[in-house]
Amino acid sequence: MENHHADTRDAVRQLFDTVDAISVQGYDQERKVVYWNIGSEKIYGYSAEEAVGQKLEDLIIPEHMREGVVSAHRDWVTDGIEIPASELTLRNKSGQDVSVYSSHVMFRSARDEYEMYCIDVYLGDVKKAQRQAVSKEELLNSVFESIPDLFFLLTEDGRIVECHAGDSRKLYVEYEQIVGKHMVDFLPEEVSAKFKASIAKSIAEGGVLSFEYYLDLPIGRIYFEARLSHLPGQKQVVVIAR
């Protein structure tokens, strides 16, 4: 069982190792950094070598937020009270404000050791839109417009919970026809079969899986590489297609 949790953790790390548009950080149960991807380096200014071993609150948490962050992390570890996703203003290496939309995932080993992963989407480029009171969904869409990859969050049976596309022309059908549907509902049979088989294999074996496919779109034939990682604690699958 312990190896299974370790494999899942490593799969998540591998999935985000080369993603520089989203910050992903991993912390142990004492809030010390155990993982720091290239996106974290870009957003917060610390290299992985500088960050690993340092405490969360000493790196990116403003002083007035530290007590609350430490308490919230402790409550999750000891009482299972999850930290809700929210928009936060953190700080970078230079002490400047960094606006992000932050989500969290907790992994627990067979030895009751915890690792928390923070997934932060940088919101600095859309603060003007925020001041104009656009909805959170529109804010996130504005962020993902600058990212060429397609991001999908699926249930274990392949139903799409979330979808973000930097270029909506690369979507096979319109966004409104995707969320809530299963991959097999709208993709060509050959492509949906690849997704179905890869999702099943990811759930069974863990790790990061990848496969190639193409779609004939109005803008022409587009070739994709899909990378999948199963999050068993969330009973979901993350898909990045580029």
Protein backbone atom coordinates (compact mmCIF):
# COMPACT_ATOMS: atom_id res chain seq x y z
CA MET A 1 0.00 0.00 0.00
CA GLU A 2 2.82 2.38 0.87
CA ASN A 3 4.38 1.84 -2.55
CA HIS A 4 1.01 2.61 -4.14
CA HIS A 5 0.85 6.00 -2.40
CA ALA A 6 4.46 6.72 -3.35
CA ASP A 7 3.73 5.82 -6.99
CA THR A 8 0.73 8.17 -7.01
CA ARG A 9 2.79 10.98 -5.54
CA ASP A 10 5.55 10.43 -8.09
CA ALA A 11 2.99 10.36 -10.91
CA VAL A 12 1.65 13.75 -9.86
CA ARG A 13 5.17 15.14 -9.73
CA GLN A 14 6.06 13.76 -13.16
CA LEU A 15 2.89 15.21 -14.63
CA PHE A 16 3.79 18.74 -13.56
CA ASP A 17 7.58 18.60 -13.91
CA THR A 18 7.47 20.22 -17.35
CA VAL A 19 4.40 22.44 -16.86
CA ASP A 20 5.67 25.97 -16.34
CA ALA A 21 2.35 27.85 -16.50
CA ILE A 22 1.07 26.43 -13.20
CA SER A 23 2.88 26.41 -9.87
CA VAL A 24 2.86 23.08 -8.03
CA GLN A 25 4.52 22.72 -4.63
CA GLY A 26 4.66 19.73 -2.29
CA TYR A 27 4.96 20.01 1.50
CA ASP A 28 5.44 17.36 4.18
CA GLN A 29 3.36 17.25 7.36
CA GLU A 30 5.71 19.80 8.94
CA ARG A 31 5.07 22.12 5.98
CA LYS A 32 8.63 21.72 4.63
CA VAL A 33 8.99 21.83 0.83
CA VAL A 34 9.56 18.41 -0.76
CA TYR A 35 8.62 19.35 -4.35
CA TRP A 36 8.89 22.61 -6.31
CA ASN A 37 8.18 22.60 -10.04
CA ILE A 38 9.42 24.99 -12.71
CA GLY A 39 6.13 26.91 -12.55
CA SER A 40 6.80 27.63 -8.87
CA GLU A 41 10.27 28.91 -9.78
CA LYS A 42 8.76 31.31 -12.33
CA ILE A 43 5.90 32.58 -10.18
CA TYR A 44 7.62 32.84 -6.80
CA GLY A 45 11.26 33.44 -7.81
CA TYR A 46 12.83 30.70 -5.69
CA SER A 47 14.74 27.92 -7.41
CA ALA A 48 13.96 24.35 -6.39
CA GLU A 49 17.33 24.19 -4.63
CA GLU A 50 16.45 27.29 -2.58
CA ALA A 51 12.94 26.12 -1.73
CA VAL A 52 13.33 22.44 -0.83
CA GLY A 53 13.62 22.00 2.93
CA GLN A 54 12.19 25.44 3.69
CA LYS A 55 8.83 25.89 5.39
CA LEU A 56 5.78 27.05 3.46
CA GLU A 57 5.15 30.03 5.73
CA ASP A 58 8.76 31.21 5.47
CA LEU A 59 8.70 31.26 1.66
CA ILE A 60 5.48 32.57 0.15
CA ILE A 61 3.04 33.36 2.97
CA PRO A 62 2.66 37.02 4.04
CA GLU A 63 3.18 37.55 7.76
CA HIS A 64 -0.45 38.39 8.52
CA MET A 65 -1.58 35.06 6.97
CA ARG A 66 0.97 32.73 8.59
CA GLU A 67 -0.94 31.76 11.71
CA GLY A 68 -4.07 30.94 9.71
CA VAL A 69 -2.14 28.89 7.14
CA VAL A 70 -0.33 26.87 9.81
CA SER A 71 -3.61 26.25 11.63
CA ALA A 72 -5.45 25.21 8.45
CA HIS A 73 -2.68 22.78 7.50
CA ARG A 74 -2.66 21.28 11.00
CA ASP A 75 -6.46 20.86 10.95
CA TRP A 76 -6.24 18.96 7.66
CA VAL A 77 -3.49 16.64 8.90
CA THR A 78 -5.01 15.97 12.33
CA ASP A 79 -8.76 16.31 11.75
CA GLY A 80 -9.21 15.78 8.01
CA ILE A 81 -10.62 19.29 7.45
CA GLU A 82 -9.71 20.08 3.85
CA ILE A 83 -8.43 23.49 2.81
CA PRO A 84 -10.89 24.92 0.26
CA ALA A 85 -9.68 26.23 -3.07
CA SER A 86 -9.59 30.01 -3.06
CA GLU A 87 -8.02 33.12 -4.50
CA LEU A 88 -5.03 34.26 -2.43
CA THR A 89 -2.45 37.04 -2.43
CA LEU A 90 0.88 35.46 -1.55
CA ARG A 91 4.42 36.84 -1.92
CA ASN A 92 7.46 36.12 -4.06
CA LYS A 93 11.17 36.06 -3.26
CA SER A 94 11.38 39.83 -3.66
CA GLY A 95 8.53 40.39 -1.20
CA GLN A 96 6.06 41.43 -3.92
CA ASP A 97 2.41 40.38 -3.95
CA VAL A 98 1.50 37.37 -6.11
CA SER A 99 -2.18 36.76 -6.84
CA VAL A 100 -3.09 33.09 -7.40
CA TYR A 101 -6.05 30.75 -7.42
CA SER A 102 -4.89 27.94 -5.12
CA SER A 103 -6.16 24.36 -4.84
CA HIS A 104 -4.85 21.60 -2.58
CA VAL A 105 -4.47 17.80 -2.57
CA MET A 106 -3.33 15.68 0.40
CA PHE A 107 -1.60 12.29 0.14
CA ARG A 108 -1.30 9.90 3.09
CA SER A 109 1.16 7.01 3.25
CA ALA A 110 0.69 3.65 4.93
CA ARG A 111 2.83 5.04 7.78
CA ASP A 112 0.38 7.93 8.31
CA GLU A 113 2.80 10.44 6.83
CA TYR A 114 1.21 13.27 4.87
CA GLU A 115 2.23 15.34 1.88
CA MET A 116 0.15 18.30 0.73
CA TYR A 117 0.37 19.58 -2.84
CA CYS A 118 -0.65 23.15 -3.71
CA ILE A 119 -1.64 23.91 -7.31
CA ASP A 120 -1.52 27.65 -7.94
CA VAL A 121 -2.76 29.40 -11.09
CA TYR A 122 -1.22 32.85 -11.47
CA LEU A 123 -3.85 35.60 -11.67
CA GLY A 124 -1.63 38.65 -12.05
CA ASP A 125 -2.44 39.07 -15.73
CA VAL A 126 -6.18 39.16 -15.11
CA LYS A 127 -6.42 41.51 -12.11
CA LYS A 128 -7.87 44.21 -14.34
CA ALA A 129 -10.65 41.85 -15.33
CA GLN A 130 -11.15 41.00 -11.66
CA ARG A 131 -11.61 44.67 -10.80
CA GLN A 132 -14.31 44.76 -13.44
CA ALA A 133 -16.14 42.11 -11.40
CA VAL A 134 -16.07 39.26 -13.88
CA SER A 135 -16.97 35.85 -12.50
CA LYS A 136 -14.37 33.40 -11.19
CA GLU A 137 -15.03 31.12 -14.15
CA GLU A 138 -14.22 33.94 -16.55
CA LEU A 139 -11.09 34.74 -14.54
CA LEU A 140 -9.80 31.20 -14.87
CA ASN A 141 -10.67 31.09 -18.55
CA SER A 142 -8.67 34.30 -19.04
CA VAL A 143 -5.66 32.64 -17.40
CA PHE A 144 -5.91 29.49 -19.49
CA GLU A 145 -6.20 31.48 -22.71
CA SER A 146 -2.46 32.15 -22.36
CA ILE A 147 -1.68 28.41 -22.00
CA PRO A 148 -1.49 26.38 -25.23
CA ASP A 149 -2.31 23.06 -23.54
CA LEU A 150 -5.75 21.56 -23.02
CA PHE A 151 -6.56 20.65 -19.39
CA PHE A 152 -9.25 18.17 -18.40
CA LEU A 153 -10.32 16.87 -15.01
CA LEU A 154 -12.23 13.60 -15.33
CA THR A 155 -14.04 11.23 -13.04
CA GLU A 156 -12.74 7.67 -13.03
CA ASP A 157 -15.40 6.64 -15.55
CA GLY A 158 -14.31 9.38 -17.99
CA ARG A 159 -16.89 12.10 -17.30
CA ILE A 160 -15.42 15.59 -17.73
CA VAL A 161 -15.68 17.70 -14.58
CA GLU A 162 -13.57 20.65 -15.74
CA CYS A 163 -12.11 21.75 -19.05
CA HIS A 164 -9.74 24.62 -19.83
CA ALA A 165 -8.50 25.42 -23.33
CA GLY A 166 -5.98 28.09 -24.24
CA ASP A 167 -7.17 27.84 -27.84
CA SER A 168 -10.85 26.86 -28.08
CA ARG A 169 -10.33 26.03 -31.76
CA LYS A 170 -8.56 22.86 -30.59
CA LEU A 171 -11.71 21.59 -28.86
CA TYR A 172 -13.56 18.96 -30.84
CA VAL A 173 -16.92 20.35 -29.74
CA GLU A 174 -17.94 23.55 -27.98
CA TYR A 175 -17.11 23.94 -24.29
CA GLU A 176 -20.79 23.86 -23.28
CA GLN A 177 -21.10 20.42 -24.88
CA ILE A 178 -18.08 18.99 -23.05
CA VAL A 179 -18.43 19.54 -19.29
CA GLY A 180 -20.59 16.87 -17.72
CA LYS A 181 -20.23 14.55 -20.70
CA HIS A 182 -18.11 11.42 -21.10
CA MET A 183 -15.23 11.34 -23.56
CA VAL A 184 -16.97 8.58 -25.51
CA ASP A 185 -20.02 10.81 -25.98
CA PHE A 186 -18.42 13.12 -28.53
CA LEU A 187 -14.92 12.00 -29.55
CA PRO A 188 -14.35 9.73 -32.58
CA GLU A 189 -14.55 6.06 -31.68
CA GLU A 190 -10.82 5.39 -32.15
CA VAL A 191 -9.80 8.35 -29.98
CA SER A 192 -12.35 7.69 -27.25
CA ALA A 193 -11.20 4.06 -27.11
CA LYS A 194 -7.63 5.27 -26.46
CA PHE A 195 -8.82 7.53 -23.65
CA LYS A 196 -10.96 4.78 -22.12
CA ALA A 197 -8.10 2.24 -22.19
CA SER A 198 -5.55 4.72 -20.83
CA ILE A 199 -7.82 5.84 -18.00
CA ALA A 200 -8.41 2.22 -16.99
CA LYS A 201 -4.67 1.49 -17.12
CA SER A 202 -3.85 4.62 -15.11
CA ILE A 203 -6.33 3.60 -12.40
CA ALA A 204 -4.99 0.05 -12.31
CA GLU A 205 -1.26 0.77 -12.50
CA GLY A 206 -0.74 4.37 -11.44
CA GLY A 207 2.01 6.58 -12.82
CA VAL A 208 1.84 8.95 -15.75
CA LEU A 209 0.60 7.51 -19.05
CA SER A 210 0.81 9.15 -22.46
CA PHE A 211 -0.50 8.46 -25.94
CA GLU A 212 -0.84 10.30 -29.23
CA TYR A 213 -3.96 10.96 -31.25
CA TYR A 214 -5.26 13.36 -33.87
CA LEU A 215 -8.52 15.15 -34.50
CA ASP A 216 -9.88 16.58 -37.73
CA LEU A 217 -11.02 20.06 -36.75
CA PRO A 218 -12.33 23.03 -38.75
CA ILE A 219 -8.79 24.48 -38.58
CA GLY A 220 -7.35 21.25 -39.99
CA ARG A 221 -5.92 18.01 -38.65
CA ILE A 222 -4.30 18.58 -35.24
CA TYR A 223 -2.01 16.04 -33.56
CA PHE A 224 -2.01 15.81 -29.76
CA GLU A 225 -0.04 14.07 -27.04
CA ALA A 226 -2.18 13.32 -23.97
CA ARG A 227 -0.66 12.73 -20.52
CA LEU A 228 -2.82 11.20 -17.79
CA SER A 229 -2.37 10.81 -14.05
CA HIS A 230 -4.84 9.18 -11.65
CA LEU A 231 -5.58 10.85 -8.30
CA PRO A 232 -7.05 7.97 -6.27
CA GLY A 233 -7.81 10.06 -3.19
CA GLN A 234 -9.95 12.34 -5.32
CA LYS A 235 -11.21 9.53 -7.61
CA GLN A 236 -10.31 11.71 -10.57
CA VAL A 237 -7.95 11.73 -13.55
CA VAL A 238 -5.94 14.74 -14.72
CA VAL A 239 -5.36 15.00 -18.48
CA ILE A 240 -3.02 17.45 -20.21
CA ALA A 241 -3.12 17.46 -24.02
CA ARG A 242 -0.68 19.41 -26.12
